Amino acid sequence: MDLTLHIAALGWETWRNTWLQIAGAIALNGRSTVLCGTLTPGQLADLPARGLIGPIHFCLLDAPHDVIASRLRDRPPWRGSTEKFIHAQQAFAIELRAQIKPQFDTSILDIGGTAAAIASWINPLLDPPSPSHN
């Protein structure tokens, strides 16, 4: 999602709507889109391009608060991970946990395990059922 982050200069709703438009264009070719980034169901529900695509499924990549803080502190300084920012992200994590299921704890799973868990969840959602032939 970072590839289009410059569009956020026009507003976050414009950026999110752009991603729905991209997903809609991809869907016209019979393909699904998996977006990896921080979005919530409420941020997409009322956007103009929401009607261009079918169901949207969300999952949460999560970690305990101490792991979130450590990972944010390990970022380069230019990323701006101040203590205030870290606390805001921890509060946001609480909101996300209440809204989004399934949840994958990235402090327990390594990168391969996280990818495998997500693939196990998402693949059945992406593969439409075959039509029955009578």
C-alpha atoms as a PDB file:
ATOM      1  CA  MET A   1       0.000   0.000   0.000  1.00  0.00           C
ATOM      2  CA  ASP A   2       2.964   2.304   0.488  1.00  0.00           C
ATOM      3  CA  LEU A   3       3.386   2.617  -3.290  1.00  0.00           C
ATOM      4  CA  THR A   4       0.471   5.031  -3.445  1.00  0.00           C
ATOM      5  CA  LEU A   5       1.079   6.761  -0.124  1.00  0.00           C
ATOM      6  CA  HIS A   6       1.798  10.037  -1.907  1.00  0.00           C
ATOM      7  CA  ILE A   7      -1.927  10.164  -2.753  1.00  0.00           C
ATOM      8  CA  ALA A   8      -2.604  10.591   0.977  1.00  0.00           C
ATOM      9  CA  ALA A   9      -1.446  14.191   0.516  1.00  0.00           C
ATOM     10  CA  LEU A  10      -4.876  14.679  -1.073  1.00  0.00           C
ATOM     11  CA  GLY A  11      -6.523  13.209   2.034  1.00  0.00           C
ATOM     12  CA  TRP A  12      -6.709   9.774   3.616  1.00  0.00           C
ATOM     13  CA  GLU A  13     -10.176   9.111   2.210  1.00  0.00           C
ATOM     14  CA  THR A  14      -8.876   9.835  -1.292  1.00  0.00           C
ATOM     15  CA  TRP A  15      -6.009   7.404  -0.712  1.00  0.00           C
ATOM     16  CA  ARG A  16      -8.325   4.672   0.595  1.00  0.00           C
ATOM     17  CA  ASN A  17     -10.796   5.253  -2.221  1.00  0.00           C
ATOM     18  CA  THR A  18      -7.951   4.934  -4.734  1.00  0.00           C
ATOM     19  CA  TRP A  19      -7.166   1.493  -3.363  1.00  0.00           C
ATOM     20  CA  LEU A  20     -10.793   0.448  -3.738  1.00  0.00           C
ATOM     21  CA  GLN A  21     -10.696   1.693  -7.338  1.00  0.00           C
ATOM     22  CA  ILE A  22      -7.537  -0.332  -7.998  1.00  0.00           C
ATOM     23  CA  ALA A  23      -9.118  -3.423  -6.422  1.00  0.00           C
ATOM     24  CA  GLY A  24     -12.244  -2.856  -8.517  1.00  0.00           C
ATOM     25  CA  ALA A  25     -10.211  -2.641 -11.720  1.00  0.00           C
ATOM     26  CA  ILE A  26      -8.366  -5.838 -10.827  1.00  0.00           C
ATOM     27  CA  ALA A  27     -11.691  -7.554 -10.077  1.00  0.00           C
ATOM     28  CA  LEU A  28     -12.889  -6.745 -13.609  1.00  0.00           C
ATOM     29  CA  ASN A  29     -10.223  -9.211 -14.736  1.00  0.00           C
ATOM     30  CA  GLY A  30     -11.503 -11.928 -12.410  1.00  0.00           C
ATOM     31  CA  ARG A  31      -8.751 -11.505  -9.859  1.00  0.00           C
ATOM     32  CA  SER A  32      -8.787 -10.725  -6.154  1.00  0.00           C
ATOM     33  CA  THR A  33      -6.738  -8.118  -4.343  1.00  0.00           C
ATOM     34  CA  VAL A  34      -5.065  -8.559  -0.982  1.00  0.00           C
ATOM     35  CA  LEU A  35      -4.095  -5.269   0.638  1.00  0.00           C
ATOM     36  CA  CYS A  36      -1.549  -5.379   3.406  1.00  0.00           C
ATOM     37  CA  GLY A  37      -1.788  -2.291   5.526  1.00  0.00           C
ATOM     38  CA  THR A  38      -3.673  -0.610   8.285  1.00  0.00           C
ATOM     39  CA  LEU A  39      -7.310  -0.207   7.314  1.00  0.00           C
ATOM     40  CA  THR A  40     -10.475  -0.676   9.307  1.00  0.00           C
ATOM     41  CA  PRO A  41     -13.902  -1.694   8.031  1.00  0.00           C
ATOM     42  CA  GLY A  42     -15.328   1.699   8.957  1.00  0.00           C
ATOM     43  CA  GLN A  43     -12.726   3.525   6.881  1.00  0.00           C
ATOM     44  CA  LEU A  44     -13.920   1.838   3.685  1.00  0.00           C
ATOM     45  CA  ALA A  45     -17.655   1.392   4.162  1.00  0.00           C
ATOM     46  CA  ASP A  46     -18.853   4.765   2.871  1.00  0.00           C
ATOM     47  CA  LEU A  47     -16.246   5.517   0.214  1.00  0.00           C
ATOM     48  CA  PRO A  48     -17.484   6.221  -3.333  1.00  0.00           C
ATOM     49  CA  ALA A  49     -15.633   3.235  -4.829  1.00  0.00           C
ATOM     50  CA  ARG A  50     -16.915   0.744  -2.221  1.00  0.00           C
ATOM     51  CA  GLY A  51     -19.634  -0.445  -4.615  1.00  0.00           C
ATOM     52  CA  LEU A  52     -17.035  -1.492  -7.188  1.00  0.00           C
ATOM     53  CA  ILE A  53     -16.019  -4.595  -5.274  1.00  0.00           C
ATOM     54  CA  GLY A  54     -17.619  -7.466  -3.412  1.00  0.00           C
ATOM     55  CA  PRO A  55     -16.971  -8.558   0.142  1.00  0.00           C
ATOM     56  CA  ILE A  56     -13.987  -7.192   2.020  1.00  0.00           C
ATOM     57  CA  HIS A  57     -12.349  -9.445   4.593  1.00  0.00           C
ATOM     58  CA  PHE A  58     -10.063  -8.199   7.326  1.00  0.00           C
ATOM     59  CA  CYS A  59      -7.530  -9.895   9.555  1.00  0.00           C
ATOM     60  CA  LEU A  60      -5.294  -8.426  12.225  1.00  0.00           C
ATOM     61  CA  LEU A  61      -1.566  -8.968  12.548  1.00  0.00           C
ATOM     62  CA  ASP A  62      -1.075  -8.265  16.219  1.00  0.00           C
ATOM     63  CA  ALA A  63       1.396  -8.521  19.080  1.00  0.00           C
ATOM     64  CA  PRO A  64       1.359  -7.746  22.797  1.00  0.00           C
ATOM     65  CA  HIS A  65       1.866  -4.102  23.764  1.00  0.00           C
ATOM     66  CA  ASP A  66       5.478  -4.594  24.851  1.00  0.00           C
ATOM     67  CA  VAL A  67       6.349  -6.158  21.486  1.00  0.00           C
ATOM     68  CA  ILE A  68       4.588  -3.347  19.607  1.00  0.00           C
ATOM     69  CA  ALA A  69       6.584  -0.797  21.621  1.00  0.00           C
ATOM     70  CA  SER A  70       9.879  -2.606  21.039  1.00  0.00           C
ATOM     71  CA  ARG A  71       9.292  -2.907  17.294  1.00  0.00           C
ATOM     72  CA  LEU A  72       8.356   0.759  16.998  1.00  0.00           C
ATOM     73  CA  ARG A  73      11.411   1.824  19.020  1.00  0.00           C
ATOM     74  CA  ASP A  74      13.619  -0.263  16.712  1.00  0.00           C
ATOM     75  CA  ARG A  75      12.534   1.748  13.669  1.00  0.00           C
ATOM     76  CA  PRO A  76      14.879   4.371  12.244  1.00  0.00           C
ATOM     77  CA  PRO A  77      14.513   7.782  13.929  1.00  0.00           C
ATOM     78  CA  TRP A  78      13.016   9.387  10.807  1.00  0.00           C
ATOM     79  CA  ARG A  79       9.918   7.188  11.295  1.00  0.00           C
ATOM     80  CA  GLY A  80       9.015   9.312  14.331  1.00  0.00           C
ATOM     81  CA  SER A  81       8.284   6.583  16.856  1.00  0.00           C
ATOM     82  CA  THR A  82       8.046   8.848  19.872  1.00  0.00           C
ATOM     83  CA  GLU A  83       6.643   7.564  23.150  1.00  0.00           C
ATOM     84  CA  LYS A  84       3.446   9.477  22.394  1.00  0.00           C
ATOM     85  CA  PHE A  85       3.202   7.740  19.002  1.00  0.00           C
ATOM     86  CA  ILE A  86       3.875   4.335  20.591  1.00  0.00           C
ATOM     87  CA  HIS A  87       1.089   4.845  23.141  1.00  0.00           C
ATOM     88  CA  ALA A  88      -1.278   5.929  20.350  1.00  0.00           C
ATOM     89  CA  GLN A  89      -0.448   2.765  18.399  1.00  0.00           C
ATOM     90  CA  GLN A  90      -1.054   0.609  21.459  1.00  0.00           C
ATOM     91  CA  ALA A  91      -4.453   2.274  21.955  1.00  0.00           C
ATOM     92  CA  PHE A  92      -5.236   1.730  18.261  1.00  0.00           C
ATOM     93  CA  ALA A  93      -4.314  -1.949  18.692  1.00  0.00           C
ATOM     94  CA  ILE A  94      -6.975  -2.249  21.395  1.00  0.00           C
ATOM     95  CA  GLU A  95      -9.574  -0.813  18.990  1.00  0.00           C
ATOM     96  CA  LEU A  96      -8.501  -3.161  16.215  1.00  0.00           C
ATOM     97  CA  ARG A  97      -8.690  -6.206  18.477  1.00  0.00           C
ATOM     98  CA  ALA A  98     -12.317  -5.338  19.249  1.00  0.00           C
ATOM     99  CA  GLN A  99     -13.213  -4.934  15.549  1.00  0.00           C
ATOM    100  CA  ILE A 100     -11.248  -7.445  13.524  1.00  0.00           C
ATOM    101  CA  LYS A 101     -11.166 -11.224  13.486  1.00  0.00           C
ATOM    102  CA  PRO A 102      -9.210 -13.381  12.838  1.00  0.00           C
ATOM    103  CA  GLN A 103      -6.121 -12.218  14.645  1.00  0.00           C
ATOM    104  CA  PHE A 104      -2.596 -13.538  14.171  1.00  0.00           C
ATOM    105  CA  ASP A 105      -0.037 -12.965  16.927  1.00  0.00           C
ATOM    106  CA  THR A 106       3.220 -12.144  15.171  1.00  0.00           C
ATOM    107  CA  SER A 107       5.151 -12.432  18.434  1.00  0.00           C
ATOM    108  CA  ILE A 108       4.413 -16.164  18.489  1.00  0.00           C
ATOM    109  CA  LEU A 109       4.630 -16.958  14.777  1.00  0.00           C
ATOM    110  CA  ASP A 110       7.747 -16.331  12.719  1.00  0.00           C
ATOM    111  CA  ILE A 111       7.450 -14.738   9.275  1.00  0.00           C
ATOM    112  CA  GLY A 112       6.869 -18.079   7.535  1.00  0.00           C
ATOM    113  CA  GLY A 113       4.351 -19.187  10.141  1.00  0.00           C
ATOM    114  CA  THR A 114       2.496 -15.881   9.908  1.00  0.00           C
ATOM    115  CA  ALA A 115       2.377 -16.115   6.106  1.00  0.00           C
ATOM    116  CA  ALA A 116       1.151 -19.728   6.287  1.00  0.00           C
ATOM    117  CA  ALA A 117      -1.561 -18.841   8.812  1.00  0.00           C
ATOM    118  CA  ILE A 118      -2.779 -15.953   6.674  1.00  0.00           C
ATOM    119  CA  ALA A 119      -2.718 -18.115   3.531  1.00  0.00           C
ATOM    120  CA  SER A 120      -4.773 -20.801   5.298  1.00  0.00           C
ATOM    121  CA  TRP A 121      -7.350 -18.193   6.235  1.00  0.00           C
ATOM    122  CA  ILE A 122      -7.477 -16.228   2.997  1.00  0.00           C
ATOM    123  CA  ASN A 123      -7.169 -18.875   0.281  1.00  0.00           C
ATOM    124  CA  PRO A 124     -10.673 -20.279   0.815  1.00  0.00           C
ATOM    125  CA  LEU A 125     -12.025 -16.710   0.688  1.00  0.00           C
ATOM    126  CA  LEU A 126     -10.287 -16.002  -2.618  1.00  0.00           C
ATOM    127  CA  ASP A 127     -11.191 -19.235  -4.385  1.00  0.00           C
ATOM    128  CA  PRO A 128     -14.829 -19.023  -5.393  1.00  0.00           C
ATOM    129  CA  PRO A 129     -16.757 -22.278  -5.122  1.00  0.00           C
ATOM    130  CA  SER A 130     -16.992 -24.198  -8.361  1.00  0.00           C
ATOM    131  CA  PRO A 131     -20.435 -24.134  -9.962  1.00  0.00           C
ATOM    132  CA  SER A 132     -22.229 -27.429  -9.701  1.00  0.00           C
ATOM    133  CA  HIS A 133     -23.014 -29.192 -12.938  1.00  0.00           C
ATOM    134  CA  ASN A 134     -26.343 -31.001 -13.114  1.00  0.00           C
END
